[in-house]
């Protein structure tokens, strides 16, 4: 908020001294802008004050959003930090933290010392090329997005005539497919089977310490391993209900209505100013109720039974949230499951399953099992959208299930993968005509 102070000279002339805070520099020093405004001398004191305050508010906005910036003198680094500060209040904290990390890791070190007005398209493309060996195409796209937002803002402030990012070409990695990664409906069924399988896991010989603190050696051994129920539930909800990871992690038992067979999504877990914590869902449409497939209900009830047993076996040592029935997804002591844990387990499971297929080709073939692609955890949400489209669920219902703000958002994300399924549609039409012609 700008500071406005009335000053009256001996001659009777009235001006207002205005002090506007422009935030803080990288060292924490307060940045201020001092202005003097001469008001209408014939107006009443109240009118003059109102006039000065309006001017102060207008100037505060202009200074905040860049109208007073000199492109020829301002460095890219200074403008980038000012841009980041200006958007902070309008985006989720996790997005802000992501922008800051992207800026400080590679963008600012590369462009440091350059005036923002002197950076052209070839400089942007040269920067992109420095990223190819270290980052995936998706991550390079994130760098490009942040740069584009910065220069788009500079253009809007009339600091530059053209956005150098607009026509800059991003290099493509020959070994990487930039499209969405997901399971086909057939692969989704294989994945569900993989969750119920038993795997032989071999542990190498290693040192251990007994209860008295005395070390001892354990020889290499093999044991049978099955997927814990809570991971089955996590992946099943992601695949068949299309939840985002943060939405799934934030679930409490009271969010599940077993009678109506619905799950309420009203919160998420993600990066906040307090670290990873509960926060509002991504959009207003993200607050929703999603129907649970009938075949998933027994799995949820089984997990609830196991959860209650685990909780009471810990007694006073239980560290979990006791409100709203407790968190669904937990660590061994009941605390909320770590935000990276589901991804790490998911990737490890896919590799374990593929190794089993490789080592047991005849058995895998007999059971109709094949290797699965290594997709990201978020790929289960993409798989849900693709499956619903395959089952001919209309786009409005798919959009509601996923919690997208509009149907166009759903189409923009999944148009290509939906198109790939048109062959399935043609097959169904051909079958219909063959049976009814």
Protein backbone atom coordinates (compact mmCIF):
# COMPACT_ATOMS: atom_id res chain seq x y z
CA UNK A 1 0.00 0.00 0.00
CA UNK A 2 1.41 3.38 -1.04
CA UNK A 3 2.09 6.04 1.59
CA UNK A 4 0.45 9.42 0.77
CA UNK A 5 1.40 12.60 2.69
CA UNK A 6 0.01 16.11 2.15
CA UNK A 7 2.56 18.96 1.91
CA UNK A 8 1.49 22.64 1.82
CA UNK A 9 4.06 25.31 0.88
CA UNK A 10 4.10 28.86 2.33
CA UNK A 11 2.78 30.07 -1.00
CA UNK A 12 -0.33 27.94 -0.46
CA UNK A 13 0.52 25.42 -3.18
CA UNK A 14 -0.38 21.85 -2.23
CA UNK A 15 1.46 18.70 -3.32
CA UNK A 16 1.48 15.11 -2.09
CA UNK A 17 4.60 13.08 -1.32
CA UNK A 18 4.01 9.47 -2.36
CA UNK A 19 6.18 6.52 -1.35
CA UNK A 20 5.54 3.21 -3.11
CA UNK A 21 7.11 -0.06 -1.95
CA UNK A 22 8.32 -2.19 -4.86
CA UNK A 23 9.22 -5.27 -2.88
CA UNK A 24 12.71 -6.37 -1.93
CA UNK A 25 15.93 -7.09 -3.79
CA UNK A 26 17.82 -10.41 -3.60
CA UNK A 27 19.63 -9.20 -0.45
CA UNK A 28 16.37 -8.40 1.33
CA UNK A 29 16.67 -4.60 1.02
CA UNK A 30 13.39 -2.72 0.61
CA UNK A 31 12.89 -1.09 -2.78
CA UNK A 32 10.89 2.18 -2.82
CA UNK A 33 9.81 4.75 -5.39
CA UNK A 34 9.41 8.39 -4.24
CA UNK A 35 7.02 10.59 -6.20
CA UNK A 36 5.64 14.11 -5.91
CA UNK A 37 2.17 14.84 -7.23
CA UNK A 38 0.68 18.31 -7.69
CA UNK A 39 -3.08 18.25 -7.19
CA UNK A 40 -5.80 20.57 -8.49
CA UNK A 41 -5.16 23.72 -6.40
CA UNK A 42 -8.78 24.88 -6.60
CA UNK A 43 -10.22 21.63 -5.23
CA UNK A 44 -11.24 21.08 -1.61
CA UNK A 45 -8.74 19.30 0.68
CA UNK A 46 -10.92 16.18 0.60
CA UNK A 47 -11.04 16.21 -3.21
CA UNK A 48 -7.27 16.77 -3.36
CA UNK A 49 -6.65 13.81 -1.06
CA UNK A 50 -8.94 11.60 -3.14
CA UNK A 51 -7.14 12.72 -6.32
CA UNK A 52 -3.72 12.00 -4.83
CA UNK A 53 -4.73 8.56 -3.57
CA UNK A 54 -6.12 7.61 -6.98
CA UNK A 55 -2.86 8.73 -8.61
CA UNK A 56 -0.87 6.73 -6.05
CA UNK A 57 -2.94 3.60 -6.70
CA UNK A 58 -2.54 3.97 -10.47
CA UNK A 59 1.21 4.46 -10.16
CA UNK A 60 1.49 1.52 -7.77
CA UNK A 61 -0.14 -0.75 -10.36
CA UNK A 62 2.01 0.64 -13.15
CA UNK A 63 5.19 0.16 -11.19
CA UNK A 64 4.14 -3.33 -10.09
CA UNK A 65 3.30 -4.47 -13.59
CA UNK A 66 6.15 -2.84 -15.44
CA UNK A 67 5.03 0.36 -17.13
CA UNK A 68 7.96 2.24 -15.63
CA UNK A 69 10.56 -0.25 -16.78
CA UNK A 70 13.35 0.80 -19.14
CA UNK A 71 14.10 -2.15 -21.40
CA UNK A 72 17.41 -0.77 -22.60
CA UNK A 73 18.72 -0.50 -19.07
CA UNK A 74 16.99 -3.38 -17.30
CA UNK A 75 18.81 -6.70 -17.11
CA UNK A 76 17.03 -9.96 -17.80
CA UNK A 77 17.76 -11.09 -14.24
CA UNK A 78 16.09 -8.05 -12.64
CA UNK A 79 13.03 -8.25 -14.87
CA UNK A 80 12.69 -12.00 -14.33
CA UNK A 81 12.59 -11.55 -10.54
CA UNK A 82 10.12 -8.66 -10.84
CA UNK A 83 7.92 -10.77 -13.10
CA UNK A 84 8.06 -13.69 -10.65
CA UNK A 85 7.04 -11.42 -7.77
CA UNK A 86 4.16 -9.92 -9.78
CA UNK A 87 2.58 -13.31 -10.57
CA UNK A 88 3.06 -14.83 -7.11
CA UNK A 89 -0.38 -13.87 -5.79
CA UNK A 90 -2.22 -15.18 -8.86
CA UNK A 91 -0.85 -18.72 -9.02
CA UNK A 92 -0.66 -21.74 -6.72
CA UNK A 93 2.37 -21.73 -4.43
CA UNK A 94 3.59 -24.97 -5.99
CA UNK A 95 3.53 -23.32 -9.43
CA UNK A 96 5.38 -20.30 -8.06
CA UNK A 97 8.03 -22.54 -6.46
CA UNK A 98 8.37 -24.42 -9.76
CA UNK A 99 8.87 -21.19 -11.71
CA UNK A 100 11.49 -20.01 -9.21
CA UNK A 101 13.37 -23.30 -9.38
CA UNK A 102 13.39 -23.27 -13.18
CA UNK A 103 14.59 -19.67 -13.26
CA UNK A 104 17.38 -20.06 -10.75
CA UNK A 105 18.65 -23.45 -11.89
CA UNK A 106 19.44 -22.67 -15.53
CA UNK A 107 17.64 -19.65 -17.03
CA UNK A 108 19.07 -16.79 -14.96
CA UNK A 109 22.64 -18.20 -14.87
CA UNK A 110 22.56 -18.47 -18.69
CA UNK A 111 21.09 -15.01 -19.46
CA UNK A 112 22.74 -13.16 -16.55
CA UNK A 113 24.35 -9.90 -17.74
CA UNK A 114 22.07 -9.56 -20.79
CA UNK A 115 19.66 -6.65 -21.17
CA UNK A 116 16.16 -7.99 -21.73
CA UNK A 117 15.75 -5.89 -24.89
CA UNK A 118 18.86 -7.43 -26.45
CA UNK A 119 17.80 -11.08 -26.21
CA UNK A 120 16.65 -12.42 -29.59
CA UNK A 121 15.30 -15.71 -30.95
CA UNK A 122 18.76 -17.20 -31.75
CA UNK A 123 19.77 -16.65 -28.11
CA UNK A 124 16.67 -18.51 -26.93
CA UNK A 125 17.36 -21.44 -29.28
CA UNK A 126 20.98 -21.57 -28.17
CA UNK A 127 19.77 -21.82 -24.56
CA UNK A 128 17.41 -24.68 -25.44
CA UNK A 129 20.31 -26.61 -26.97
CA UNK A 130 22.20 -26.48 -23.66
CA UNK A 131 19.34 -28.41 -22.04
CA UNK A 132 19.10 -31.38 -24.41
CA UNK A 133 21.69 -33.61 -22.74
CA UNK A 134 20.39 -32.99 -19.22
CA UNK A 135 16.60 -32.87 -19.47
CA UNK A 136 13.65 -34.64 -21.05
CA UNK A 137 11.52 -32.98 -23.73
CA UNK A 138 8.81 -32.36 -21.13
CA UNK A 139 11.22 -30.55 -18.80
CA UNK A 140 12.62 -28.46 -21.67
CA UNK A 141 9.06 -27.47 -22.41
CA UNK A 142 8.73 -26.20 -18.82
CA UNK A 143 11.82 -24.00 -19.27
CA UNK A 144 10.38 -22.72 -22.55
CA UNK A 145 7.04 -21.95 -20.93
CA UNK A 146 8.60 -19.82 -18.19
CA UNK A 147 10.76 -17.92 -20.70
CA UNK A 148 7.75 -17.33 -22.92
CA UNK A 149 5.71 -15.92 -20.01
CA UNK A 150 8.52 -13.52 -19.10
CA UNK A 151 8.97 -12.17 -22.62
CA UNK A 152 5.23 -12.12 -23.26
CA UNK A 153 4.93 -9.84 -20.23
CA UNK A 154 7.81 -7.64 -21.45
CA UNK A 155 6.04 -7.23 -24.80
CA UNK A 156 2.76 -6.36 -23.09
CA UNK A 157 4.60 -3.63 -21.20
CA UNK A 158 5.94 -2.29 -24.55
CA UNK A 159 9.50 -3.03 -23.46
CA UNK A 160 10.18 -5.12 -26.55
CA UNK A 161 8.55 -5.22 -29.99
CA UNK A 162 8.56 -9.00 -30.43
CA UNK A 163 8.60 -12.01 -28.15
CA UNK A 164 11.82 -13.90 -29.03
CA UNK A 165 10.30 -17.15 -27.74
CA UNK A 166 7.38 -17.06 -30.15
CA UNK A 167 9.25 -18.51 -33.14
CA UNK A 168 12.08 -20.22 -31.25
CA UNK A 169 12.31 -23.93 -32.07
CA UNK A 170 12.88 -26.41 -29.29
CA UNK A 171 15.32 -29.24 -30.06
CA UNK A 172 13.89 -32.75 -30.11
CA UNK A 173 15.56 -35.73 -28.54
CA UNK A 174 15.72 -38.56 -31.04
CA UNK A 175 15.22 -41.16 -28.33
CA UNK A 176 12.13 -39.65 -26.80
CA UNK A 177 8.45 -39.53 -27.66
CA UNK A 178 6.86 -36.27 -26.50
CA UNK A 179 3.29 -37.63 -26.53
CA UNK A 180 1.21 -38.63 -23.53
CA UNK A 181 2.26 -41.88 -21.92
CA UNK A 182 -0.54 -44.17 -20.80
CA UNK A 183 -1.82 -47.75 -20.80
CA UNK A 184 -4.14 -48.89 -23.54
CA UNK A 185 -7.34 -50.59 -22.30
CA UNK A 186 -5.68 -53.97 -22.90
CA UNK A 187 -2.56 -52.92 -21.00
CA UNK A 188 -4.71 -51.53 -18.17
CA UNK A 189 -6.14 -55.02 -17.63
CA UNK A 190 -2.64 -56.51 -17.62
CA UNK A 191 -1.56 -53.91 -15.07
CA UNK A 192 -4.46 -54.83 -12.79
CA UNK A 193 -3.46 -58.51 -13.03
CA UNK A 194 0.12 -57.57 -12.20
CA UNK A 195 -1.02 -56.11 -8.87
CA UNK A 196 -2.35 -59.52 -7.76
CA UNK A 197 0.70 -61.52 -8.79
CA UNK A 198 3.40 -62.94 -6.54
CA UNK A 199 7.04 -62.13 -7.31
CA UNK A 200 10.28 -63.76 -6.25
CA UNK A 201 12.63 -61.14 -4.87
CA UNK A 202 16.30 -61.94 -4.20
CA UNK A 203 18.16 -59.97 -1.53
CA UNK A 204 21.94 -59.89 -1.61
CA UNK A 205 23.97 -60.76 1.46
CA UNK A 206 24.33 -57.83 3.85
CA UNK A 207 25.20 -56.71 7.36
CA UNK A 208 22.51 -56.22 10.02
CA UNK A 209 22.53 -55.14 13.66
CA UNK A 210 20.58 -57.04 16.32
CA UNK A 211 18.67 -55.54 19.25
CA UNK A 212 21.81 -55.46 21.42
CA UNK A 213 23.72 -53.45 18.80
CA UNK A 214 25.84 -56.41 17.70
CA UNK A 215 26.39 -56.66 13.90
CA UNK A 216 25.78 -59.92 12.07
CA UNK A 217 25.80 -61.04 8.44
CA UNK A 218 22.77 -62.26 6.48
CA UNK A 219 23.43 -64.49 3.47
CA UNK A 220 21.69 -63.94 0.15
CA UNK A 221 18.08 -65.14 0.25
CA UNK A 222 14.91 -65.16 -1.88
CA UNK A 223 11.37 -64.60 -0.71
CA UNK A 224 7.94 -64.28 -2.25
CA UNK A 225 6.56 -60.76 -2.52
CA UNK A 226 3.06 -59.40 -3.16
CA UNK A 227 1.87 -55.82 -3.63
CA UNK A 228 0.57 -54.29 -0.36
CA UNK A 229 -3.15 -53.54 -0.40
CA UNK A 230 -2.77 -49.79 0.02
CA UNK A 231 -0.74 -49.56 -3.20
CA UNK A 232 -3.33 -51.66 -5.02
CA UNK A 233 -5.96 -49.17 -3.84
CA UNK A 234 -3.87 -46.13 -4.79
CA UNK A 235 -3.18 -47.35 -8.33
CA UNK A 236 -6.71 -48.67 -8.83
CA UNK A 237 -8.29 -45.32 -7.91
CA UNK A 238 -5.82 -43.51 -10.17
CA UNK A 239 -6.64 -45.81 -13.08
CA UNK A 240 -10.41 -46.12 -12.77
CA UNK A 241 -11.34 -42.80 -11.14
CA UNK A 242 -8.73 -40.58 -12.82
CA UNK A 243 -7.55 -38.84 -9.66
CA UNK A 244 -4.47 -36.64 -9.63
CA UNK A 245 -1.70 -37.82 -7.29
CA UNK A 246 -2.27 -34.94 -4.85
CA UNK A 247 -6.01 -35.65 -4.76
CA UNK A 248 -5.43 -39.32 -3.99
CA UNK A 249 -2.87 -38.63 -1.26
CA UNK A 250 -5.27 -36.17 0.42
CA UNK A 251 -8.10 -38.70 0.76
CA UNK A 252 -9.55 -39.49 4.19
CA UNK A 253 -11.77 -42.46 4.94
CA UNK A 254 -14.75 -40.15 5.48
CA UNK A 255 -14.39 -39.04 1.84
CA UNK A 256 -15.59 -42.51 0.79
CA UNK A 257 -19.33 -43.18 0.78
CA UNK A 258 -19.58 -46.96 0.61
CA UNK A 259 -23.38 -46.86 0.48
CA UNK A 260 -23.59 -44.46 -2.48
CA UNK A 261 -20.35 -45.85 -3.98
CA UNK A 262 -18.82 -42.41 -4.42
CA UNK A 263 -15.58 -40.67 -3.46
CA UNK A 264 -15.54 -36.93 -2.67
CA UNK A 265 -12.60 -34.88 -3.88
CA UNK A 266 -12.40 -31.62 -1.93
CA UNK A 267 -8.70 -31.10 -1.27
CA UNK A 268 -5.24 -31.94 -2.52
CA UNK A 269 -1.72 -32.36 -1.22
CA UNK A 270 1.05 -30.33 -2.81
CA UNK A 271 3.72 -27.70 -2.37
CA UNK A 272 2.69 -24.79 -0.12
CA UNK A 273 4.60 -22.12 1.79
CA UNK A 274 4.66 -24.61 4.68
CA UNK A 275 6.15 -27.38 2.55
CA UNK A 276 4.00 -30.25 1.29
CA UNK A 277 0.64 -29.82 2.91
CA UNK A 278 -3.10 -29.77 2.23
CA UNK A 279 -4.31 -27.16 -0.23
CA UNK A 280 -7.25 -26.29 -2.45
CA UNK A 281 -7.80 -28.53 -5.51
CA UNK A 282 -6.39 -27.37 -8.85
CA UNK A 283 -9.63 -25.76 -10.12
CA UNK A 284 -13.19 -25.21 -8.87
CA UNK A 285 -14.34 -28.10 -11.06
CA UNK A 286 -11.78 -30.31 -9.31
CA UNK A 287 -14.13 -30.39 -6.31
CA UNK A 288 -16.32 -33.30 -7.33
CA UNK A 289 -17.82 -36.69 -6.49
CA UNK A 290 -16.67 -39.66 -8.54
CA UNK A 291 -18.46 -42.99 -8.74
CA UNK A 292 -16.54 -46.06 -7.63
CA UNK A 293 -16.74 -49.12 -9.93
CA UNK A 294 -18.49 -52.03 -8.16
CA UNK A 295 -15.46 -54.31 -8.47
CA UNK A 296 -13.33 -51.78 -6.56
CA UNK A 297 -15.59 -51.70 -3.47
CA UNK A 298 -14.39 -55.07 -2.04
CA UNK A 299 -10.77 -53.94 -2.39
CA UNK A 300 -11.52 -50.72 -0.51
CA UNK A 301 -13.31 -52.62 2.26
CA UNK A 302 -10.43 -55.07 2.56
CA UNK A 303 -7.97 -52.21 2.87
CA UNK A 304 -10.16 -50.46 5.46
CA UNK A 305 -10.16 -53.63 7.56
CA UNK A 306 -6.34 -53.88 7.33
CA UNK A 307 -6.01 -50.16 8.10
CA UNK A 308 -8.05 -50.42 11.31
CA UNK A 309 -6.01 -53.45 12.42
CA UNK A 310 -2.75 -51.60 11.79
CA UNK A 311 -3.96 -48.48 13.57
CA UNK A 312 -4.99 -50.28 16.75
CA UNK A 313 -1.89 -52.48 16.79
CA UNK A 314 0.23 -49.30 17.11
CA UNK A 315 -1.76 -47.97 20.07
CA UNK A 316 -0.33 -44.69 21.37
CA UNK A 317 2.58 -44.94 18.93
CA UNK A 318 0.20 -44.13 16.05
CA UNK A 319 1.27 -40.85 14.44
CA UNK A 320 -1.51 -40.61 11.86
CA UNK A 321 -4.25 -38.03 11.44
CA UNK A 322 -7.27 -39.08 13.55
CA UNK A 323 -9.73 -36.64 11.96
CA UNK A 324 -12.22 -37.60 9.23
CA UNK A 325 -11.47 -41.29 9.72
CA UNK A 326 -7.74 -40.84 9.07
CA UNK A 327 -5.69 -40.68 5.87
CA UNK A 328 -6.08 -43.56 3.42
CA UNK A 329 -2.46 -43.59 2.37
CA UNK A 330 0.10 -43.72 5.13
CA UNK A 331 3.61 -44.50 6.25
CA UNK A 332 4.31 -47.36 8.66
CA UNK A 333 3.52 -45.20 11.73
CA UNK A 334 0.32 -43.70 10.27
CA UNK A 335 1.74 -40.40 9.03
CA UNK A 336 0.69 -39.19 5.59
CA UNK A 337 2.45 -41.08 2.81
CA UNK A 338 5.37 -39.14 1.29
CA UNK A 339 4.56 -37.32 -1.95
CA UNK A 340 7.24 -39.18 -3.95
CA UNK A 341 6.50 -42.63 -2.52
CA UNK A 342 3.66 -43.65 -4.91
CA UNK A 343 5.73 -42.77 -7.99
CA UNK A 344 8.80 -44.62 -6.72
CA UNK A 345 6.79 -47.73 -5.90
CA UNK A 346 4.86 -47.58 -9.19
CA UNK A 347 8.04 -47.45 -11.29
CA UNK A 348 9.68 -50.21 -9.24
CA UNK A 349 6.60 -52.42 -9.66
CA UNK A 350 6.52 -52.00 -13.45
CA UNK A 351 10.17 -53.02 -13.71
CA UNK A 352 9.58 -56.01 -11.42
CA UNK A 353 6.58 -57.12 -13.47
CA UNK A 354 8.42 -56.74 -16.80
CA UNK A 355 11.33 -58.75 -15.42
CA UNK A 356 8.88 -61.53 -14.48
CA UNK A 357 7.47 -61.53 -18.04
CA UNK A 358 10.99 -61.75 -19.48
CA UNK A 359 11.94 -64.64 -17.17
CA UNK A 360 8.67 -66.54 -17.64
CA UNK A 361 7.75 -66.13 -21.34
CA UNK A 362 5.69 -69.32 -21.66
CA UNK A 363 3.67 -68.71 -18.50
CA UNK A 364 3.16 -65.04 -19.43
CA UNK A 365 1.92 -66.00 -22.90
CA UNK A 366 -0.46 -68.59 -21.48
CA UNK A 367 -1.95 -65.96 -19.16
CA UNK A 368 -2.12 -63.31 -21.89
CA UNK A 369 0.48 -61.11 -20.23
CA UNK A 370 3.03 -58.91 -22.00
CA UNK A 371 5.60 -56.32 -20.95
CA UNK A 372 4.12 -52.95 -20.02
CA UNK A 373 5.51 -49.55 -21.01
CA UNK A 374 7.23 -47.61 -18.23
CA UNK A 375 4.84 -44.69 -17.89
CA UNK A 376 4.83 -41.95 -15.23
CA UNK A 377 2.40 -42.27 -12.32
CA UNK A 378 0.29 -39.47 -13.85
CA UNK A 379 -0.04 -41.78 -16.85
CA UNK A 380 -2.65 -43.74 -14.88
CA UNK A 381 -4.88 -40.65 -15.01
CA UNK A 382 -4.27 -40.43 -18.76
CA UNK A 383 -5.07 -44.15 -18.97
CA UNK A 384 -8.40 -43.49 -17.24
CA UNK A 385 -9.37 -40.86 -19.82
CA UNK A 386 -8.36 -43.16 -22.66
CA UNK A 387 -10.29 -46.09 -21.16
CA UNK A 388 -13.45 -44.02 -20.68
CA UNK A 389 -13.26 -42.84 -24.28
CA UNK A 390 -12.77 -46.45 -25.44
CA UNK A 391 -15.91 -47.39 -23.49
CA UNK A 392 -17.73 -44.60 -25.38
CA UNK A 393 -18.36 -42.43 -22.33
CA UNK A 394 -19.26 -38.95 -23.61
CA UNK A 395 -16.69 -36.16 -23.35
CA UNK A 396 -18.77 -34.20 -20.79
CA UNK A 397 -18.73 -37.10 -18.32
CA UNK A 398 -15.02 -37.76 -18.93
CA UNK A 399 -14.30 -34.09 -18.20
CA UNK A 400 -16.39 -34.21 -14.99
CA UNK A 401 -14.64 -37.38 -13.81
CA UNK A 402 -11.20 -35.86 -14.34
CA UNK A 403 -12.20 -32.54 -12.73
CA UNK A 404 -11.27 -30.42 -15.73
CA UNK A 405 -12.55 -26.84 -15.81
CA UNK A 406 -14.02 -27.27 -19.30
CA UNK A 407 -14.56 -30.01 -21.89
CA UNK A 408 -12.19 -28.16 -24.21
CA UNK A 409 -9.41 -28.75 -21.66
CA UNK A 410 -10.06 -32.49 -21.89
CA UNK A 411 -10.07 -32.42 -25.68
CA UNK A 412 -6.90 -30.31 -25.86
CA UNK A 413 -5.05 -32.85 -23.72
CA UNK A 414 -6.44 -36.09 -25.13
CA UNK A 415 -7.46 -35.31 -28.73
CA UNK A 416 -4.55 -37.25 -30.20
CA UNK A 417 -4.95 -40.32 -27.99
CA UNK A 418 -8.71 -40.31 -28.66
CA UNK A 419 -8.06 -40.19 -32.40
CA UNK A 420 -5.86 -43.27 -32.11
CA UNK A 421 -8.91 -45.18 -30.91
CA UNK A 422 -10.97 -44.39 -33.99
CA UNK A 423 -9.89 -47.73 -35.45
CA UNK A 424 -11.68 -49.39 -32.54
CA UNK A 425 -14.82 -47.40 -33.39
CA UNK A 426 -14.59 -48.50 -37.01
CA UNK A 427 -14.23 -52.12 -35.90
CA UNK A 428 -17.37 -51.85 -33.79
CA UNK A 429 -19.32 -50.30 -36.68
CA UNK A 430 -18.11 -53.03 -39.05
CA UNK A 431 -19.20 -55.69 -36.56
CA UNK A 432 -22.61 -54.02 -36.21
CA UNK A 433 -23.11 -53.95 -39.99
CA UNK A 434 -21.96 -57.55 -40.38
CA UNK A 435 -24.48 -58.76 -37.82
CA UNK A 436 -27.38 -56.63 -39.01
CA UNK A 437 -26.93 -56.28 -42.77
